[in-house]
Amino acid sequence: MKHSHKTLIALLSLASAGAFAQTPGTNTPRVDQREANQQARIASGAANGSLTPHETQRLEKEQARIDNAEAKAKADGTVTAQERRRLHVMQDGASRDIHRKRNNNRAAGTPG
């Protein structure tokens, strides 16, 4: 079970990296870099057991919401300062959530 969970995380990380590569002329490089860093933190937490599968799933869904918000912001070809601010606020919240979940003394495979 643990091996398949790590495989899933690796695939999700690769899929999100592929999404970045498909965005030609992106005008949100900081947003993209932060998203990649957060994906790596989630994958690392899942791999080392500091995130439970449920926590990992919730954090991945949060990253997907940020990715969708970024896609909507880019849909008209321009990301405004307000849209960029909103993305950064979302990422700040996600970063806090990742930190809290990785440091809440719950380990994969233990109840709680």
PDB file of N, CA and C in Angstrom:
ATOM      1  N   MET A   1       0.829  -1.197   0.000  1.00  0.00           N
ATOM      2  CA  MET A   1       0.000   0.000   0.000  1.00  0.00           C
ATOM      3  C   MET A   1       0.869   1.256   0.000  1.00  0.00           C
ATOM      4  N   LYS A   2       1.909   1.259   0.841  1.00  0.00           N
ATOM      5  CA  LYS A   2       2.772   2.420   0.934  1.00  0.00           C
ATOM      6  C   LYS A   2       3.452   2.708  -0.399  1.00  0.00           C
ATOM      7  N   HIS A   3       3.867   1.645  -1.104  1.00  0.00           N
ATOM      8  CA  HIS A   3       4.543   1.820  -2.388  1.00  0.00           C
ATOM      9  C   HIS A   3       3.603   2.458  -3.405  1.00  0.00           C
ATOM     10  N   SER A   4       2.347   2.007  -3.462  1.00  0.00           N
ATOM     11  CA  SER A   4       1.410   2.572  -4.441  1.00  0.00           C
ATOM     12  C   SER A   4       1.097   4.028  -4.111  1.00  0.00           C
ATOM     13  N   HIS A   5       1.100   4.372  -2.825  1.00  0.00           N
ATOM     14  CA  HIS A   5       0.856   5.755  -2.418  1.00  0.00           C
ATOM     15  C   HIS A   5       1.995   6.648  -2.910  1.00  0.00           C
ATOM     16  N   LYS A   6       3.233   6.192  -2.769  1.00  0.00           N
ATOM     17  CA  LYS A   6       4.381   6.963  -3.243  1.00  0.00           C
ATOM     18  C   LYS A   6       4.344   7.109  -4.756  1.00  0.00           C
ATOM     19  N   THR A   7       3.915   6.062  -5.437  1.00  0.00           N
ATOM     20  CA  THR A   7       3.810   6.113  -6.890  1.00  0.00           C
ATOM     21  C   THR A   7       2.776   7.149  -7.309  1.00  0.00           C
ATOM     22  N   LEU A   8       1.641   7.180  -6.603  1.00  0.00           N
ATOM     23  CA  LEU A   8       0.595   8.153  -6.903  1.00  0.00           C
ATOM     24  C   LEU A   8       1.128   9.569  -6.734  1.00  0.00           C
ATOM     25  N   ILE A   9       1.843   9.820  -5.655  1.00  0.00           N
ATOM     26  CA  ILE A   9       2.395  11.154  -5.410  1.00  0.00           C
ATOM     27  C   ILE A   9       3.381  11.531  -6.516  1.00  0.00           C
ATOM     28  N   ALA A  10       4.223  10.596  -6.901  1.00  0.00           N
ATOM     29  CA  ALA A  10       5.190  10.873  -7.965  1.00  0.00           C
ATOM     30  C   ALA A  10       4.466  11.216  -9.269  1.00  0.00           C
ATOM     31  N   LEU A  11       3.403  10.476  -9.586  1.00  0.00           N
ATOM     32  CA  LEU A  11       2.649  10.747 -10.811  1.00  0.00           C
ATOM     33  C   LEU A  11       1.970  12.107 -10.749  1.00  0.00           C
ATOM     34  N   LEU A  12       1.407  12.453  -9.591  1.00  0.00           N
ATOM     35  CA  LEU A  12       0.763  13.759  -9.453  1.00  0.00           C
ATOM     36  C   LEU A  12       1.777  14.883  -9.605  1.00  0.00           C
ATOM     37  N   SER A  13       2.955  14.684  -9.053  1.00  0.00           N
ATOM     38  CA  SER A  13       3.997  15.699  -9.179  1.00  0.00           C
ATOM     39  C   SER A  13       4.419  15.873 -10.631  1.00  0.00           C
ATOM     40  N   LEU A  14       4.561  14.755 -11.335  1.00  0.00           N
ATOM     41  CA  LEU A  14       4.933  14.828 -12.748  1.00  0.00           C
ATOM     42  C   LEU A  14       3.838  15.476 -13.573  1.00  0.00           C
ATOM     43  N   ALA A  15       2.585  15.161 -13.252  1.00  0.00           N
ATOM     44  CA  ALA A  15       1.467  15.736 -13.992  1.00  0.00           C
ATOM     45  C   ALA A  15       1.426  17.253 -13.801  1.00  0.00           C
ATOM     46  N   SER A  16       1.655  17.706 -12.567  1.00  0.00           N
ATOM     47  CA  SER A  16       1.632  19.147 -12.350  1.00  0.00           C
ATOM     48  C   SER A  16       2.828  19.808 -13.030  1.00  0.00           C
ATOM     49  N   ALA A  17       3.971  19.159 -13.045  1.00  0.00           N
ATOM     50  CA  ALA A  17       5.135  19.707 -13.744  1.00  0.00           C
ATOM     51  C   ALA A  17       4.851  19.794 -15.241  1.00  0.00           C
ATOM     52  N   GLY A  18       4.153  18.813 -15.780  1.00  0.00           N
ATOM     53  CA  GLY A  18       3.785  18.830 -17.191  1.00  0.00           C
ATOM     54  C   GLY A  18       2.836  19.970 -17.511  1.00  0.00           C
ATOM     55  N   ALA A  19       1.962  20.289 -16.580  1.00  0.00           N
ATOM     56  CA  ALA A  19       1.031  21.388 -16.793  1.00  0.00           C
ATOM     57  C   ALA A  19       1.790  22.707 -16.903  1.00  0.00           C
ATOM     58  N   PHE A  20       2.860  22.867 -16.125  1.00  0.00           N
ATOM     59  CA  PHE A  20       3.647  24.090 -16.210  1.00  0.00           C
ATOM     60  C   PHE A  20       4.301  24.198 -17.580  1.00  0.00           C
ATOM     61  N   ALA A  21       4.804  23.099 -18.087  1.00  0.00           N
ATOM     62  CA  ALA A  21       5.511  23.098 -19.363  1.00  0.00           C
ATOM     63  C   ALA A  21       4.575  23.417 -20.520  1.00  0.00           C
ATOM     64  N   GLN A  22       3.280  23.142 -20.364  1.00  0.00           N
ATOM     65  CA  GLN A  22       2.330  23.367 -21.443  1.00  0.00           C
ATOM     66  C   GLN A  22       1.859  24.811 -21.527  1.00  0.00           C
ATOM     67  N   THR A  23       2.276  25.654 -20.598  1.00  0.00           N
ATOM     68  CA  THR A  23       1.811  27.031 -20.583  1.00  0.00           C
ATOM     69  C   THR A  23       2.836  27.906 -21.286  1.00  0.00           C
ATOM     70  N   PRO A  24       2.607  28.194 -22.584  1.00  0.00           N
ATOM     71  CA  PRO A  24       3.587  29.001 -23.311  1.00  0.00           C
ATOM     72  C   PRO A  24       3.560  30.450 -22.855  1.00  0.00           C
ATOM     73  N   GLY A  25       4.725  31.039 -22.710  1.00  0.00           N
ATOM     74  CA  GLY A  25       4.807  32.450 -22.361  1.00  0.00           C
ATOM     75  C   GLY A  25       4.104  32.799 -21.073  1.00  0.00           C
ATOM     76  N   THR A  26       4.202  31.944 -20.100  1.00  0.00           N
ATOM     77  CA  THR A  26       3.506  32.189 -18.843  1.00  0.00           C
ATOM     78  C   THR A  26       3.964  33.509 -18.231  1.00  0.00           C
ATOM     79  N   ASN A  27       3.027  34.216 -17.640  1.00  0.00           N
ATOM     80  CA  ASN A  27       3.393  35.454 -16.975  1.00  0.00           C
ATOM     81  C   ASN A  27       3.194  35.327 -15.468  1.00  0.00           C
ATOM     82  N   THR A  28       3.312  34.102 -14.958  1.00  0.00           N
ATOM     83  CA  THR A  28       3.222  33.866 -13.520  1.00  0.00           C
ATOM     84  C   THR A  28       4.354  32.930 -13.067  1.00  0.00           C
ATOM     85  N   PRO A  29       5.596  33.277 -13.343  1.00  0.00           N
ATOM     86  CA  PRO A  29       6.681  32.363 -12.982  1.00  0.00           C
ATOM     87  C   PRO A  29       6.821  32.144 -11.475  1.00  0.00           C
ATOM     88  N   ARG A  30       6.581  33.176 -10.660  1.00  0.00           N
ATOM     89  CA  ARG A  30       6.675  32.994  -9.199  1.00  0.00           C
ATOM     90  C   ARG A  30       5.571  32.076  -8.699  1.00  0.00           C
ATOM     91  N   VAL A  31       4.380  32.217  -9.253  1.00  0.00           N
ATOM     92  CA  VAL A  31       3.256  31.353  -8.872  1.00  0.00           C
ATOM     93  C   VAL A  31       3.596  29.916  -9.243  1.00  0.00           C
ATOM     94  N   ASP A  32       4.104  29.724 -10.440  1.00  0.00           N
ATOM     95  CA  ASP A  32       4.463  28.370 -10.893  1.00  0.00           C
ATOM     96  C   ASP A  32       5.552  27.757 -10.021  1.00  0.00           C
ATOM     97  N   GLN A  33       6.566  28.550  -9.664  1.00  0.00           N
ATOM     98  CA  GLN A  33       7.664  28.038  -8.848  1.00  0.00           C
ATOM     99  C   GLN A  33       7.176  27.672  -7.447  1.00  0.00           C
ATOM    100  N   ARG A  34       6.339  28.526  -6.875  1.00  0.00           N
ATOM    101  CA  ARG A  34       5.804  28.220  -5.543  1.00  0.00           C
ATOM    102  C   ARG A  34       4.953  26.959  -5.585  1.00  0.00           C
ATOM    103  N   GLU A  35       4.177  26.816  -6.636  1.00  0.00           N
ATOM    104  CA  GLU A  35       3.340  25.626  -6.760  1.00  0.00           C
ATOM    105  C   GLU A  35       4.202  24.369  -6.861  1.00  0.00           C
ATOM    106  N   ALA A  36       5.271  24.444  -7.625  1.00  0.00           N
ATOM    107  CA  ALA A  36       6.178  23.298  -7.746  1.00  0.00           C
ATOM    108  C   ALA A  36       6.827  22.985  -6.400  1.00  0.00           C
ATOM    109  N   ASN A  37       7.231  24.013  -5.671  1.00  0.00           N
ATOM    110  CA  ASN A  37       7.833  23.807  -4.350  1.00  0.00           C
ATOM    111  C   ASN A  37       6.843  23.167  -3.386  1.00  0.00           C
ATOM    112  N   GLN A  38       5.601  23.622  -3.428  1.00  0.00           N
ATOM    113  CA  GLN A  38       4.587  23.067  -2.533  1.00  0.00           C
ATOM    114  C   GLN A  38       4.280  21.618  -2.896  1.00  0.00           C
ATOM    115  N   GLN A  39       4.238  21.315  -4.179  1.00  0.00           N
ATOM    116  CA  GLN A  39       4.031  19.925  -4.607  1.00  0.00           C
ATOM    117  C   GLN A  39       5.151  19.042  -4.077  1.00  0.00           C
ATOM    118  N   ALA A  40       6.384  19.550  -4.139  1.00  0.00           N
ATOM    119  CA  ALA A  40       7.527  18.785  -3.647  1.00  0.00           C
ATOM    120  C   ALA A  40       7.434  18.574  -2.144  1.00  0.00           C
ATOM    121  N   ARG A  41       6.983  19.588  -1.413  1.00  0.00           N
ATOM    122  CA  ARG A  41       6.829  19.449   0.040  1.00  0.00           C
ATOM    123  C   ARG A  41       5.767  18.407   0.381  1.00  0.00           C
ATOM    124  N   ILE A  42       4.677  18.392  -0.382  1.00  0.00           N
ATOM    125  CA  ILE A  42       3.622  17.399  -0.159  1.00  0.00           C
ATOM    126  C   ILE A  42       4.161  16.004  -0.461  1.00  0.00           C
ATOM    127  N   ALA A  43       4.832  15.864  -1.587  1.00  0.00           N
ATOM    128  CA  ALA A  43       5.383  14.555  -1.967  1.00  0.00           C
ATOM    129  C   ALA A  43       6.387  14.066  -0.930  1.00  0.00           C
ATOM    130  N   SER A  44       7.216  14.962  -0.436  1.00  0.00           N
ATOM    131  CA  SER A  44       8.207  14.596   0.574  1.00  0.00           C
ATOM    132  C   SER A  44       7.525  14.152   1.864  1.00  0.00           C
ATOM    133  N   GLY A  45       6.502  14.869   2.275  1.00  0.00           N
ATOM    134  CA  GLY A  45       5.764  14.509   3.487  1.00  0.00           C
ATOM    135  C   GLY A  45       5.070  13.169   3.358  1.00  0.00           C
ATOM    136  N   ALA A  46       4.531  12.897   2.178  1.00  0.00           N
ATOM    137  CA  ALA A  46       3.877  11.603   1.944  1.00  0.00           C
ATOM    138  C   ALA A  46       4.917  10.485   1.946  1.00  0.00           C
ATOM    139  N   ALA A  47       6.074  10.748   1.355  1.00  0.00           N
ATOM    140  CA  ALA A  47       7.120   9.731   1.257  1.00  0.00           C
ATOM    141  C   ALA A  47       7.741   9.416   2.614  1.00  0.00           C
ATOM    142  N   ASN A  48       7.928  10.436   3.455  1.00  0.00           N
ATOM    143  CA  ASN A  48       8.588  10.175   4.741  1.00  0.00           C
ATOM    144  C   ASN A  48       7.602   9.845   5.857  1.00  0.00           C
ATOM    145  N   GLY A  49       6.312   9.834   5.546  1.00  0.00           N
ATOM    146  CA  GLY A  49       5.310   9.425   6.521  1.00  0.00           C
ATOM    147  C   GLY A  49       4.795  10.528   7.424  1.00  0.00           C
ATOM    148  N   SER A  50       5.248  11.769   7.220  1.00  0.00           N
ATOM    149  CA  SER A  50       4.763  12.853   8.068  1.00  0.00           C
ATOM    150  C   SER A  50       3.370  13.326   7.654  1.00  0.00           C
ATOM    151  N   LEU A  51       2.910  12.895   6.488  1.00  0.00           N
ATOM    152  CA  LEU A  51       1.539  13.159   6.044  1.00  0.00           C
ATOM    153  C   LEU A  51       0.799  11.835   5.926  1.00  0.00           C
ATOM    154  N   THR A  52      -0.419  11.811   6.440  1.00  0.00           N
ATOM    155  CA  THR A  52      -1.252  10.632   6.249  1.00  0.00           C
ATOM    156  C   THR A  52      -1.817  10.674   4.830  1.00  0.00           C
ATOM    157  N   PRO A  53      -2.320   9.555   4.329  1.00  0.00           N
ATOM    158  CA  PRO A  53      -2.925   9.581   2.990  1.00  0.00           C
ATOM    159  C   PRO A  53      -4.076  10.589   2.882  1.00  0.00           C
ATOM    160  N   HIS A  54      -4.886  10.697   3.945  1.00  0.00           N
ATOM    161  CA  HIS A  54      -6.003  11.646   3.925  1.00  0.00           C
ATOM    162  C   HIS A  54      -5.484  13.088   3.870  1.00  0.00           C
ATOM    163  N   GLU A  55      -4.458  13.398   4.662  1.00  0.00           N
ATOM    164  CA  GLU A  55      -3.874  14.739   4.632  1.00  0.00           C
ATOM    165  C   GLU A  55      -3.293  15.047   3.258  1.00  0.00           C
ATOM    166  N   THR A  56      -2.615  14.066   2.687  1.00  0.00           N
ATOM    167  CA  THR A  56      -2.021  14.238   1.364  1.00  0.00           C
ATOM    168  C   THR A  56      -3.099  14.541   0.333  1.00  0.00           C
ATOM    169  N   GLN A  57      -4.183  13.795   0.391  1.00  0.00           N
ATOM    170  CA  GLN A  57      -5.287  13.996  -0.551  1.00  0.00           C
ATOM    171  C   GLN A  57      -5.875  15.397  -0.417  1.00  0.00           C
ATOM    172  N   ARG A  58      -6.072  15.863   0.795  1.00  0.00           N
ATOM    173  CA  ARG A  58      -6.641  17.198   1.010  1.00  0.00           C
ATOM    174  C   ARG A  58      -5.699  18.290   0.501  1.00  0.00           C
ATOM    175  N   LEU A  59      -4.412  18.114   0.751  1.00  0.00           N
ATOM    176  CA  LEU A  59      -3.433  19.105   0.287  1.00  0.00           C
ATOM    177  C   LEU A  59      -3.342  19.111  -1.239  1.00  0.00           C
ATOM    178  N   GLU A  60      -3.439  17.936  -1.854  1.00  0.00           N
ATOM    179  CA  GLU A  60      -3.425  17.855  -3.324  1.00  0.00           C
ATOM    180  C   GLU A  60      -4.652  18.557  -3.916  1.00  0.00           C
ATOM    181  N   LYS A  61      -5.801  18.399  -3.265  1.00  0.00           N
ATOM    182  CA  LYS A  61      -7.019  19.081  -3.741  1.00  0.00           C
ATOM    183  C   LYS A  61      -6.862  20.591  -3.633  1.00  0.00           C
ATOM    184  N   GLU A  62      -6.224  21.039  -2.558  1.00  0.00           N
ATOM    185  CA  GLU A  62      -5.985  22.472  -2.401  1.00  0.00           C
ATOM    186  C   GLU A  62      -5.079  22.987  -3.523  1.00  0.00           C
ATOM    187  N   GLN A  63      -4.042  22.217  -3.874  1.00  0.00           N
ATOM    188  CA  GLN A  63      -3.159  22.602  -4.967  1.00  0.00           C
ATOM    189  C   GLN A  63      -3.931  22.642  -6.289  1.00  0.00           C
ATOM    190  N   ALA A  64      -4.841  21.709  -6.471  1.00  0.00           N
ATOM    191  CA  ALA A  64      -5.652  21.687  -7.698  1.00  0.00           C
ATOM    192  C   ALA A  64      -6.530  22.934  -7.788  1.00  0.00           C
ATOM    193  N   ARG A  65      -7.081  23.386  -6.652  1.00  0.00           N
ATOM    194  CA  ARG A  65      -7.897  24.609  -6.656  1.00  0.00           C
ATOM    195  C   ARG A  65      -7.050  25.818  -7.055  1.00  0.00           C
ATOM    196  N   ILE A  66      -5.824  25.874  -6.565  1.00  0.00           N
ATOM    197  CA  ILE A  66      -4.926  26.979  -6.928  1.00  0.00           C
ATOM    198  C   ILE A  66      -4.609  26.915  -8.420  1.00  0.00           C
ATOM    199  N   ASP A  67      -4.358  25.714  -8.921  1.00  0.00           N
ATOM    200  CA  ASP A  67      -4.055  25.532 -10.342  1.00  0.00           C
ATOM    201  C   ASP A  67      -5.245  25.972 -11.203  1.00  0.00           C
ATOM    202  N   ASN A  68      -6.452  25.632 -10.772  1.00  0.00           N
ATOM    203  CA  ASN A  68      -7.650  26.047 -11.513  1.00  0.00           C
ATOM    204  C   ASN A  68      -7.812  27.568 -11.485  1.00  0.00           C
ATOM    205  N   ALA A  69      -7.551  28.185 -10.332  1.00  0.00           N
ATOM    206  CA  ALA A  69      -7.644  29.643 -10.233  1.00  0.00           C
ATOM    207  C   ALA A  69      -6.612  30.304 -11.148  1.00  0.00           C
ATOM    208  N   GLU A  70      -5.423  29.712 -11.228  1.00  0.00           N
ATOM    209  CA  GLU A  70      -4.392  30.247 -12.114  1.00  0.00           C
ATOM    210  C   GLU A  70      -4.825  30.122 -13.578  1.00  0.00           C
ATOM    211  N   ALA A  71      -5.405  28.990 -13.936  1.00  0.00           N
ATOM    212  CA  ALA A  71      -5.868  28.790 -15.315  1.00  0.00           C
ATOM    213  C   ALA A  71      -6.944  29.806 -15.672  1.00  0.00           C
ATOM    214  N   LYS A  72      -7.856  30.071 -14.742  1.00  0.00           N
ATOM    215  CA  LYS A  72      -8.906  31.073 -14.986  1.00  0.00           C
ATOM    216  C   LYS A  72      -8.299  32.459 -15.144  1.00  0.00           C
ATOM    217  N   ALA A  73      -7.290  32.763 -14.327  1.00  0.00           N
ATOM    218  CA  ALA A  73      -6.639  34.073 -14.422  1.00  0.00           C
ATOM    219  C   ALA A  73      -5.945  34.237 -15.768  1.00  0.00           C
ATOM    220  N   LYS A  74      -5.386  33.159 -16.291  1.00  0.00           N
ATOM    221  CA  LYS A  74      -4.664  33.201 -17.567  1.00  0.00           C
ATOM    222  C   LYS A  74      -5.587  33.091 -18.780  1.00  0.00           C
ATOM    223  N   ALA A  75      -6.838  32.753 -18.560  1.00  0.00           N
ATOM    224  CA  ALA A  75      -7.759  32.458 -19.670  1.00  0.00           C
ATOM    225  C   ALA A  75      -7.875  33.599 -20.676  1.00  0.00           C
ATOM    226  N   ASP A  76      -7.818  34.837 -20.213  1.00  0.00           N
ATOM    227  CA  ASP A  76      -7.949  35.962 -21.144  1.00  0.00           C
ATOM    228  C   ASP A  76      -6.595  36.444 -21.661  1.00  0.00           C
ATOM    229  N   GLY A  77      -5.531  35.739 -21.290  1.00  0.00           N
ATOM    230  CA  GLY A  77      -4.208  36.080 -21.795  1.00  0.00           C
ATOM    231  C   GLY A  77      -3.423  37.026 -20.913  1.00  0.00           C
ATOM    232  N   THR A  78      -4.052  37.572 -19.887  1.00  0.00           N
ATOM    233  CA  THR A  78      -3.387  38.512 -18.993  1.00  0.00           C
ATOM    234  C   THR A  78      -3.743  38.195 -17.551  1.00  0.00           C
ATOM    235  N   VAL A  79      -2.727  38.158 -16.713  1.00  0.00           N
ATOM    236  CA  VAL A  79      -2.959  37.987 -15.276  1.00  0.00           C
ATOM    237  C   VAL A  79      -2.785  39.365 -14.645  1.00  0.00           C
ATOM    238  N   THR A  80      -3.881  39.903 -14.129  1.00  0.00           N
ATOM    239  CA  THR A  80      -3.830  41.239 -13.523  1.00  0.00           C
ATOM    240  C   THR A  80      -3.150  41.177 -12.165  1.00  0.00           C
ATOM    241  N   ALA A  81      -2.789  42.340 -11.647  1.00  0.00           N
ATOM    242  CA  ALA A  81      -2.163  42.415 -10.325  1.00  0.00           C
ATOM    243  C   ALA A  81      -3.102  41.852  -9.261  1.00  0.00           C
ATOM    244  N   GLN A  82      -4.391  42.114  -9.393  1.00  0.00           N
ATOM    245  CA  GLN A  82      -5.364  41.597  -8.432  1.00  0.00           C
ATOM    246  C   GLN A  82      -5.438  40.069  -8.491  1.00  0.00           C
ATOM    247  N   GLU A  83      -5.440  39.514  -9.698  1.00  0.00           N
ATOM    248  CA  GLU A  83      -5.464  38.051  -9.846  1.00  0.00           C
ATOM    249  C   GLU A  83      -4.190  37.430  -9.270  1.00  0.00           C
ATOM    250  N   ARG A  84      -3.066  38.079  -9.526  1.00  0.00           N
ATOM    251  CA  ARG A  84      -1.786  37.590  -9.020  1.00  0.00           C
ATOM    252  C   ARG A  84      -1.777  37.617  -7.485  1.00  0.00           C
ATOM    253  N   ARG A  85      -2.301  38.698  -6.907  1.00  0.00           N
ATOM    254  CA  ARG A  85      -2.399  38.812  -5.449  1.00  0.00           C
ATOM    255  C   ARG A  85      -3.253  37.694  -4.874  1.00  0.00           C
ATOM    256  N   ARG A  86      -4.380  37.425  -5.520  1.00  0.00           N
ATOM    257  CA  ARG A  86      -5.275  36.364  -5.058  1.00  0.00           C
ATOM    258  C   ARG A  86      -4.564  35.009  -5.091  1.00  0.00           C
ATOM    259  N   LEU A  87      -3.818  34.752  -6.160  1.00  0.00           N
ATOM    260  CA  LEU A  87      -3.070  33.499  -6.258  1.00  0.00           C
ATOM    261  C   LEU A  87      -2.031  33.388  -5.143  1.00  0.00           C
ATOM    262  N   HIS A  88      -1.366  34.493  -4.840  1.00  0.00           N
ATOM    263  CA  HIS A  88      -0.359  34.469  -3.769  1.00  0.00           C
ATOM    264  C   HIS A  88      -1.011  34.251  -2.407  1.00  0.00           C
ATOM    265  N   VAL A  89      -2.169  34.847  -2.176  1.00  0.00           N
ATOM    266  CA  VAL A  89      -2.884  34.631  -0.918  1.00  0.00           C
ATOM    267  C   VAL A  89      -3.289  33.158  -0.798  1.00  0.00           C
ATOM    268  N   MET A  90      -3.778  32.584  -1.894  1.00  0.00           N
ATOM    269  CA  MET A  90      -4.143  31.163  -1.883  1.00  0.00           C
ATOM    270  C   MET A  90      -2.915  30.302  -1.583  1.00  0.00           C
ATOM    271  N   GLN A  91      -1.787  30.646  -2.189  1.00  0.00           N
ATOM    272  CA  GLN A  91      -0.568  29.874  -1.968  1.00  0.00           C
ATOM    273  C   GLN A  91      -0.033  30.051  -0.547  1.00  0.00           C
ATOM    274  N   ASP A  92      -0.191  31.241   0.017  1.00  0.00           N
ATOM    275  CA  ASP A  92       0.210  31.446   1.407  1.00  0.00           C
ATOM    276  C   ASP A  92      -0.582  30.510   2.324  1.00  0.00           C
ATOM    277  N   GLY A  93      -1.895  30.430   2.086  1.00  0.00           N
ATOM    278  CA  GLY A  93      -2.733  29.544   2.885  1.00  0.00           C
ATOM    279  C   GLY A  93      -2.342  28.083   2.705  1.00  0.00           C
ATOM    280  N   ALA A  94      -2.063  27.697   1.475  1.00  0.00           N
ATOM    281  CA  ALA A  94      -1.667  26.318   1.199  1.00  0.00           C
ATOM    282  C   ALA A  94      -0.341  25.994   1.877  1.00  0.00           C
ATOM    283  N   SER A  95       0.580  26.947   1.866  1.00  0.00           N
ATOM    284  CA  SER A  95       1.866  26.733   2.512  1.00  0.00           C
ATOM    285  C   SER A  95       1.687  26.515   4.014  1.00  0.00           C
ATOM    286  N   ARG A  96       0.842  27.329   4.634  1.00  0.00           N
ATOM    287  CA  ARG A  96       0.543  27.147   6.064  1.00  0.00           C
ATOM    288  C   ARG A  96      -0.077  25.784   6.321  1.00  0.00           C
ATOM    289  N   ASP A  97      -1.016  25.388   5.455  1.00  0.00           N
ATOM    290  CA  ASP A  97      -1.675  24.086   5.621  1.00  0.00           C
ATOM    291  C   ASP A  97      -0.671  22.941   5.513  1.00  0.00           C
ATOM    292  N   ILE A  98       0.241  23.040   4.553  1.00  0.00           N
ATOM    293  CA  ILE A  98       1.254  21.995   4.391  1.00  0.00           C
ATOM    294  C   ILE A  98       2.115  21.919   5.651  1.00  0.00           C
ATOM    295  N   HIS A  99       2.552  23.062   6.144  1.00  0.00           N
ATOM    296  CA  HIS A  99       3.382  23.080   7.353  1.00  0.00           C
ATOM    297  C   HIS A  99       2.636  22.458   8.533  1.00  0.00           C
ATOM    298  N   ARG A 100       1.398  22.871   8.737  1.00  0.00           N
ATOM    299  CA  ARG A 100       0.612  22.342   9.865  1.00  0.00           C
ATOM    300  C   ARG A 100       0.419  20.839   9.760  1.00  0.00           C
ATOM    301  N   LYS A 101       0.069  20.370   8.575  1.00  0.00           N
ATOM    302  CA  LYS A 101      -0.182  18.937   8.403  1.00  0.00           C
ATOM    303  C   LYS A 101       1.093  18.120   8.562  1.00  0.00           C
ATOM    304  N   ARG A 102       2.208  18.634   8.067  1.00  0.00           N
ATOM    305  CA  ARG A 102       3.467  17.890   8.175  1.00  0.00           C
ATOM    306  C   ARG A 102       4.009  17.868   9.597  1.00  0.00           C
ATOM    307  N   ASN A 103       3.564  18.810  10.433  1.00  0.00           N
ATOM    308  CA  ASN A 103       4.107  18.930  11.787  1.00  0.00           C
ATOM    309  C   ASN A 103       3.071  18.704  12.883  1.00  0.00           C
ATOM    310  N   ASN A 104       1.996  17.977  12.579  1.00  0.00           N
ATOM    311  CA  ASN A 104       0.945  17.764  13.566  1.00  0.00           C
ATOM    312  C   ASN A 104       1.101  16.459  14.343  1.00  0.00           C
ATOM    313  N   ASN A 105       2.255  15.828  14.223  1.00  0.00           N
ATOM    314  CA  ASN A 105       2.570  14.588  14.935  1.00  0.00           C
ATOM    315  C   ASN A 105       1.655  13.422  14.579  1.00  0.00           C
ATOM    316  N   ARG A 106       1.008  13.494  13.452  1.00  0.00           N
ATOM    317  CA  ARG A 106       0.279  12.347  12.916  1.00  0.00           C
ATOM    318  C   ARG A 106       1.165  11.733  11.860  1.00  0.00           C
ATOM    319  N   ALA A 107       1.296  10.435  11.909  1.00  0.00           N
ATOM    320  CA  ALA A 107       2.140   9.763  10.924  1.00  0.00           C
ATOM    321  C   ALA A 107       1.284   8.819  10.107  1.00  0.00           C
ATOM    322  N   ALA A 108       1.688   8.619   8.865  1.00  0.00           N
ATOM    323  CA  ALA A 108       0.987   7.667   8.006  1.00  0.00           C
ATOM    324  C   ALA A 108       1.022   6.305   8.681  1.00  0.00           C
ATOM    325  N   GLY A 109      -0.112   5.640   8.705  1.00  0.00           N
ATOM    326  CA  GLY A 109      -0.191   4.315   9.297  1.00  0.00           C
ATOM    327  C   GLY A 109      -0.570   4.319  10.769  1.00  0.00           C
ATOM    328  N   THR A 110      -0.748   5.507  11.379  1.00  0.00           N
ATOM    329  CA  THR A 110      -1.176   5.581  12.774  1.00  0.00           C
ATOM    330  C   THR A 110      -2.529   6.266  12.838  1.00  0.00           C
ATOM    331  N   PRO A 111      -3.383   5.858  13.773  1.00  0.00           N
ATOM    332  CA  PRO A 111      -4.694   6.484  13.870  1.00  0.00           C
ATOM    333  C   PRO A 111      -4.579   7.926  14.349  1.00  0.00           C
ATOM    334  N   GLY A 112      -5.570   8.745  13.941  1.00  0.00           N
ATOM    335  CA  GLY A 112      -5.590  10.121  14.433  1.00  0.00           C
ATOM    336  C   GLY A 112      -5.525  11.048  13.328  1.00  0.00           C
TER     337      GLY A 112
END
